[in-house]
Amino acid sequence: MRTGEVMNLPLSLDDRAPILQGSIDLPDTVVAAAAGVAIRAATEAGRTIHAGLAGALTVRTKDASGDLVTDLDLRAEHIIVTHIRRAFPSHRILAEESGLLDSTDDAWCWVVDPLDGTNNIAIGLPVCTVGIALCHHGIPVLGVVHEPLADRTWSATRGGGAIGPAGPLSHPPRRGSQSAPTFAWVQGYPVTRGDPTARALRLALESGSRRLIQLWSPLLCWIMLSRGDIDGFVGYRAGLVDLPAGTLIAQESGIDITAFDGTPLAERLDPTGGELDFIAAAPDMLSELTLLVKSAAEVSVTGLPASR
């Protein structure tokens, strides 16, 4: 089933019941039903976030890294987990705020980022997304990203292509050579401001681009890359919870993703496994971006005060 057919799945959970009964262990059957569940869950969570941004937020720090959580993160996650549990009670769920919610079938694991961009909304910047992925034996087979304020959704199934509000999603050809590229950057929360590798990478990327953006919503960067709004995306010690949905949509739209040494990104991702370095771009930009990343090894940043 191609992703473009997902939008036509029935909206009622009751209507979907016959699909989920019987041979639901077949991957194609699960993914087809799961796509509808994920899109509905992300859309409902997005409506809750959109409405909640009009009022006061409860914000707290959740760990020593300084990462934040708001009441909207928790409410959105509850909505998504409820949808998934109702439709697939035997599946495992890895949720950003709740952690691993184990169950009887460890072949299937949902990965939920209920509000990617918490640090943005905490300072009044309305840039955020909702991300949901389904992995089969660690391999992402479904990815959904929803933008609450614009009420737009993008999705992909492995081998089935990617789709967005305007139809099939495909990274367009590179713009003319007279225009310097625009790149996005993300670093994991444990990375300190004084990290010499992060400083060198940012400097190298800025020197080779028209603009280097850091949105604090990596899922939105994956969508921008997939649409051709930006030319490349680099992650240093990036967290893995938002990777399955973002990378699948990007790959299905024609984006190549590698490690810093140029080896292709492994199909199997372990979102509980910590951090990942990556380079992502269309094939005609990947080698140029890889050279920029490798050039950071020759960069030495001096004269700046040490910072935590």
Protein backbone atom coordinates (compact mmCIF):
# COMPACT_ATOMS: atom_id res chain seq x y z
CA MET A 1 0.00 0.00 0.00
CA ARG A 2 1.47 3.36 -1.00
CA THR A 3 1.49 6.20 1.48
CA GLY A 4 -0.81 8.20 -0.72
CA GLU A 5 -3.58 5.74 0.08
CA VAL A 6 -3.25 6.21 3.83
CA MET A 7 -5.36 9.34 3.92
CA ASN A 8 -8.37 7.37 2.70
CA LEU A 9 -8.41 4.95 5.62
CA PRO A 10 -11.60 5.11 7.76
CA LEU A 11 -11.50 7.66 10.53
CA SER A 12 -13.47 5.67 13.08
CA LEU A 13 -11.65 3.31 15.39
CA ASP A 14 -14.72 1.07 15.31
CA ASP A 15 -14.65 1.03 11.51
CA ARG A 16 -11.07 -0.14 11.63
CA ALA A 17 -11.71 -3.12 13.92
CA PRO A 18 -12.16 -5.73 11.15
CA ILE A 19 -8.76 -4.77 9.72
CA LEU A 20 -7.02 -5.37 13.03
CA GLN A 21 -8.55 -8.75 13.71
CA GLY A 22 -7.09 -11.97 12.33
CA SER A 23 -3.66 -11.98 10.68
CA ILE A 24 -2.38 -8.75 12.15
CA ASP A 25 1.14 -10.18 12.44
CA LEU A 26 1.60 -9.63 8.68
CA PRO A 27 3.77 -6.49 8.30
CA ASP A 28 1.83 -5.02 5.36
CA THR A 29 -1.46 -5.39 7.21
CA VAL A 30 -0.08 -3.81 10.35
CA VAL A 31 1.51 -0.86 8.53
CA ALA A 32 -1.65 -0.15 6.54
CA ALA A 33 -3.78 0.02 9.68
CA ALA A 34 -1.05 1.75 11.71
CA ALA A 35 -0.80 4.61 9.22
CA GLY A 36 -4.37 5.65 9.85
CA VAL A 37 -3.93 5.35 13.61
CA ALA A 38 -0.76 7.45 13.57
CA ILE A 39 -2.18 10.20 11.39
CA ARG A 40 -5.31 10.50 13.53
CA ALA A 41 -3.29 10.46 16.74
CA ALA A 42 -0.83 13.10 15.51
CA THR A 43 -3.66 15.32 14.24
CA GLU A 44 -5.57 15.14 17.52
CA ALA A 45 -2.41 15.82 19.52
CA GLY A 46 -1.68 18.74 17.20
CA ARG A 47 -5.09 20.27 17.84
CA THR A 48 -4.47 20.02 21.57
CA ILE A 49 -1.07 21.71 21.21
CA HIS A 50 -2.49 24.44 18.98
CA ALA A 51 -5.26 25.22 21.45
CA GLY A 52 -2.91 25.04 24.41
CA LEU A 53 -0.50 27.59 22.97
CA ALA A 54 -3.17 30.24 23.41
CA GLY A 55 -2.95 29.91 27.19
CA ALA A 56 -0.32 29.80 29.91
CA LEU A 57 2.19 26.93 29.84
CA THR A 58 3.52 24.94 32.75
CA VAL A 59 7.23 24.44 32.06
CA ARG A 60 9.81 22.52 34.07
CA THR A 61 13.29 21.10 33.59
CA LYS A 62 13.21 17.33 33.37
CA ASP A 63 16.89 16.42 33.77
CA ALA A 64 20.41 17.73 34.29
CA SER A 65 20.88 18.44 30.57
CA GLY A 66 18.43 21.33 30.82
CA ASP A 67 15.85 19.70 28.54
CA LEU A 68 12.36 21.04 29.17
CA VAL A 69 8.90 19.52 29.37
CA THR A 70 5.54 21.29 29.38
CA ASP A 71 2.01 20.25 30.18
CA LEU A 72 1.36 20.19 26.41
CA ASP A 73 4.07 17.55 25.92
CA LEU A 74 2.35 15.34 28.46
CA ARG A 75 -1.16 15.90 27.15
CA ALA A 76 -0.12 15.25 23.54
CA GLU A 77 1.74 12.10 24.52
CA HIS A 78 -1.27 10.78 26.45
CA ILE A 79 -3.47 11.26 23.38
CA ILE A 80 -1.04 9.44 21.09
CA VAL A 81 -0.35 6.56 23.46
CA THR A 82 -4.09 6.08 24.01
CA HIS A 83 -4.68 5.79 20.25
CA ILE A 84 -1.87 3.29 19.86
CA ARG A 85 -2.79 1.18 22.88
CA ARG A 86 -6.41 0.98 21.76
CA ALA A 87 -5.49 -0.23 18.27
CA PHE A 88 -2.35 -2.25 19.02
CA PRO A 89 -2.37 -3.32 22.68
CA SER A 90 0.46 -5.83 22.21
CA HIS A 91 2.95 -3.36 20.68
CA ARG A 92 5.76 -1.72 22.61
CA ILE A 93 5.85 2.10 22.75
CA LEU A 94 8.88 4.31 23.32
CA ALA A 95 7.58 7.76 24.24
CA GLU A 96 9.69 10.85 24.80
CA GLU A 97 8.28 11.62 28.23
CA SER A 98 7.12 8.22 29.52
CA GLY A 99 10.04 6.14 28.30
CA LEU A 100 9.61 2.52 27.22
CA LEU A 101 6.11 1.13 27.69
CA ASP A 102 6.71 -2.56 27.28
CA SER A 103 4.24 -5.14 26.04
CA THR A 104 4.04 -8.69 24.73
CA ASP A 105 5.14 -8.20 21.10
CA ASP A 106 8.69 -6.86 20.94
CA ALA A 107 8.81 -7.16 17.13
CA TRP A 108 6.84 -3.92 16.88
CA CYS A 109 7.80 -0.68 18.61
CA TRP A 110 6.19 2.74 18.23
CA VAL A 111 8.45 5.76 18.75
CA VAL A 112 6.62 8.90 19.87
CA ASP A 113 7.89 12.47 20.07
CA PRO A 114 4.70 14.24 21.18
CA LEU A 115 6.07 17.77 20.91
CA ASP A 116 9.34 18.30 19.07
CA GLY A 117 10.19 21.93 19.79
CA THR A 118 9.44 22.25 23.49
CA ASN A 119 12.29 24.74 23.97
CA ASN A 120 10.73 26.92 21.27
CA ILE A 121 7.24 27.13 22.73
CA ALA A 122 8.71 27.66 26.21
CA ILE A 123 10.03 31.04 25.02
CA GLY A 124 6.95 31.88 22.97
CA LEU A 125 8.28 30.75 19.59
CA PRO A 126 5.53 28.68 17.91
CA VAL A 127 7.76 26.27 15.99
CA CYS A 128 7.03 22.64 16.81
CA THR A 129 5.96 19.31 15.38
CA VAL A 130 4.50 15.97 16.44
CA GLY A 131 6.37 12.83 15.38
CA ILE A 132 5.22 9.19 15.36
CA ALA A 133 7.07 6.21 13.89
CA LEU A 134 6.51 2.48 13.86
CA CYS A 135 9.51 0.14 13.72
CA HIS A 136 9.49 -3.57 12.89
CA HIS A 137 12.47 -5.37 14.41
CA GLY A 138 14.12 -1.96 14.75
CA ILE A 139 13.57 -0.89 11.13
CA PRO A 140 11.30 2.15 10.63
CA VAL A 141 8.36 1.14 8.41
CA LEU A 142 6.05 4.10 9.05
CA GLY A 143 6.71 7.75 9.80
CA VAL A 144 4.27 10.59 10.44
CA VAL A 145 5.11 14.24 11.17
CA HIS A 146 2.41 16.79 11.92
CA GLU A 147 2.82 20.56 12.21
CA PRO A 148 0.17 21.74 14.71
CA LEU A 149 -0.04 25.44 13.91
CA ALA A 150 -0.31 24.98 10.15
CA ASP A 151 -2.35 21.75 10.50
CA ARG A 152 -0.16 19.97 7.94
CA THR A 153 0.86 16.32 7.92
CA TRP A 154 3.60 14.40 6.14
CA SER A 155 3.93 10.61 6.15
CA ALA A 156 5.87 7.77 4.59
CA THR A 157 5.91 3.99 4.53
CA ARG A 158 9.07 2.03 3.76
CA GLY A 159 9.16 1.38 0.04
CA GLY A 160 5.86 3.20 -0.44
CA GLY A 161 7.07 6.76 -0.90
CA ALA A 162 6.36 9.91 1.06
CA ILE A 163 3.38 12.22 0.89
CA GLY A 164 2.56 15.70 2.15
CA PRO A 165 -0.33 18.15 2.02
CA ALA A 166 0.34 18.85 -1.67
CA GLY A 167 0.72 15.22 -2.70
CA PRO A 168 3.74 12.95 -3.25
CA LEU A 169 6.90 14.30 -1.66
CA SER A 170 10.14 14.37 -3.64
CA HIS A 171 13.23 16.48 -3.07
CA PRO A 172 13.54 18.73 -6.13
CA PRO A 173 16.74 19.14 -8.18
CA ARG A 174 19.41 21.35 -6.67
CA ARG A 175 19.04 25.07 -7.21
CA GLY A 176 21.46 26.95 -9.47
CA SER A 177 25.12 26.93 -8.50
CA GLN A 178 25.10 30.70 -8.06
CA SER A 179 23.14 30.24 -4.83
CA ALA A 180 25.06 28.98 -1.82
CA PRO A 181 23.31 26.11 0.01
CA THR A 182 21.27 26.39 3.17
CA PHE A 183 21.94 23.78 5.85
CA ALA A 184 20.30 22.80 9.12
CA TRP A 185 22.13 21.75 12.26
CA VAL A 186 21.11 19.84 15.37
CA GLN A 187 23.13 18.78 18.38
CA GLY A 188 22.07 16.56 21.25
CA TYR A 189 21.15 17.98 24.63
CA PRO A 190 24.27 16.59 26.34
CA VAL A 191 26.51 18.66 24.00
CA THR A 192 27.90 21.64 25.90
CA ARG A 193 28.34 25.08 24.38
CA GLY A 194 32.09 24.67 24.68
CA ASP A 195 32.25 21.31 22.90
CA PRO A 196 35.19 21.76 20.47
CA THR A 197 33.80 19.35 17.88
CA ALA A 198 30.42 21.10 17.80
CA ARG A 199 32.11 24.49 17.50
CA ALA A 200 34.30 23.32 14.65
CA LEU A 201 31.41 21.70 12.79
CA ARG A 202 29.23 24.78 13.04
CA LEU A 203 32.04 27.02 11.83
CA ALA A 204 32.79 24.74 8.88
CA LEU A 205 29.13 24.53 7.90
CA GLU A 206 28.59 28.28 8.23
CA SER A 207 31.64 28.99 6.07
CA GLY A 208 30.32 26.76 3.29
CA SER A 209 26.68 27.88 3.28
CA ARG A 210 24.44 30.86 2.78
CA ARG A 211 22.79 30.13 6.10
CA LEU A 212 23.00 27.55 8.87
CA ILE A 213 19.72 27.16 10.74
CA GLN A 214 19.02 25.55 14.11
CA LEU A 215 15.27 25.25 14.62
CA TRP A 216 15.16 23.23 17.88
CA SER A 217 12.64 21.03 16.07
CA PRO A 218 14.64 18.42 14.14
CA LEU A 219 11.52 16.81 12.68
CA LEU A 220 10.67 20.07 10.94
CA CYS A 221 14.22 20.14 9.52
CA TRP A 222 13.68 16.66 8.06
CA ILE A 223 10.48 17.90 6.39
CA MET A 224 12.20 21.02 5.03
CA LEU A 225 14.97 18.86 3.60
CA SER A 226 12.47 16.47 2.04
CA ARG A 227 10.61 19.36 0.39
CA GLY A 228 13.79 21.01 -0.88
CA ASP A 229 13.49 24.10 1.36
CA ILE A 230 17.02 23.42 2.63
CA ASP A 231 19.92 21.59 1.02
CA GLY A 232 21.38 19.52 3.84
CA PHE A 233 21.05 18.55 7.49
CA VAL A 234 23.84 17.62 9.91
CA GLY A 235 23.40 16.12 13.35
CA TYR A 236 26.04 15.77 16.05
CA ARG A 237 25.31 13.43 18.96
CA ALA A 238 21.64 13.80 18.05
CA GLY A 239 18.97 12.09 20.12
CA LEU A 240 17.29 9.14 18.45
CA VAL A 241 13.63 9.52 19.40
CA ASP A 242 12.79 11.82 16.48
CA LEU A 243 15.01 10.01 13.94
CA PRO A 244 12.79 7.08 12.82
CA ALA A 245 9.94 9.27 11.54
CA GLY A 246 12.17 12.00 10.11
CA THR A 247 14.70 9.77 8.40
CA LEU A 248 12.06 7.54 6.80
CA ILE A 249 10.19 10.49 5.28
CA ALA A 250 13.48 11.95 4.05
CA GLN A 251 14.72 8.69 2.55
CA GLU A 252 11.41 8.02 0.83
CA SER A 253 11.59 11.49 -0.73
CA GLY A 254 15.03 10.78 -2.18
CA ILE A 255 17.42 11.94 0.55
CA ASP A 256 20.65 10.04 1.33
CA ILE A 257 21.76 9.75 4.96
CA THR A 258 25.21 8.71 6.14
CA ALA A 259 27.43 8.76 9.20
CA PHE A 260 30.26 11.30 9.36
CA ASP A 261 32.63 8.76 7.78
CA GLY A 262 30.36 8.36 4.76
CA THR A 263 28.92 4.94 5.58
CA PRO A 264 25.17 4.71 4.91
CA LEU A 265 22.82 5.04 7.86
CA ALA A 266 21.92 1.61 9.16
CA GLU A 267 18.34 0.57 8.43
CA ARG A 268 17.93 -0.74 11.96
CA LEU A 269 17.72 2.05 14.56
CA ASP A 270 17.65 1.60 18.31
CA PRO A 271 15.92 4.72 19.68
CA THR A 272 16.95 3.67 23.20
CA GLY A 273 20.58 3.49 22.13
CA GLY A 274 21.71 7.05 22.83
CA GLU A 275 23.15 9.33 20.15
CA LEU A 276 23.92 9.46 16.45
CA ASP A 277 26.02 11.60 14.10
CA PHE A 278 24.58 12.00 10.62
CA ILE A 279 24.81 13.85 7.32
CA ALA A 280 21.69 14.10 5.17
CA ALA A 281 21.30 15.59 1.70
CA ALA A 282 20.12 14.84 -1.80
CA PRO A 283 22.62 12.75 -3.82
CA ASP A 284 23.86 15.79 -5.79
CA MET A 285 24.75 17.63 -2.55
CA LEU A 286 25.91 14.83 -0.29
CA SER A 287 29.58 14.72 -1.30
CA GLU A 288 29.95 18.50 -0.92
CA LEU A 289 28.34 18.44 2.51
CA THR A 290 30.44 15.45 3.58
CA LEU A 291 33.63 17.31 2.64
CA LEU A 292 32.52 20.28 4.75
CA VAL A 293 31.90 18.02 7.74
CA LYS A 294 35.28 16.33 7.32
CA SER A 295 36.99 19.73 7.03
CA ALA A 296 35.89 20.48 10.59
CA ALA A 297 38.65 18.16 11.80
CA GLU A 298 41.14 20.81 10.66
CA VAL A 299 39.34 23.67 12.42
CA SER A 300 40.64 24.96 15.73
CA VAL A 301 38.46 27.45 17.56
CA THR A 302 40.48 29.62 19.93
CA GLY A 303 39.98 32.84 21.84
CA LEU A 304 36.49 32.00 23.09
CA PRO A 305 35.84 31.62 26.81
CA ALA A 306 35.25 28.12 28.07
CA SER A 307 31.57 27.47 28.63
CA ARG A 308 29.52 24.66 30.03
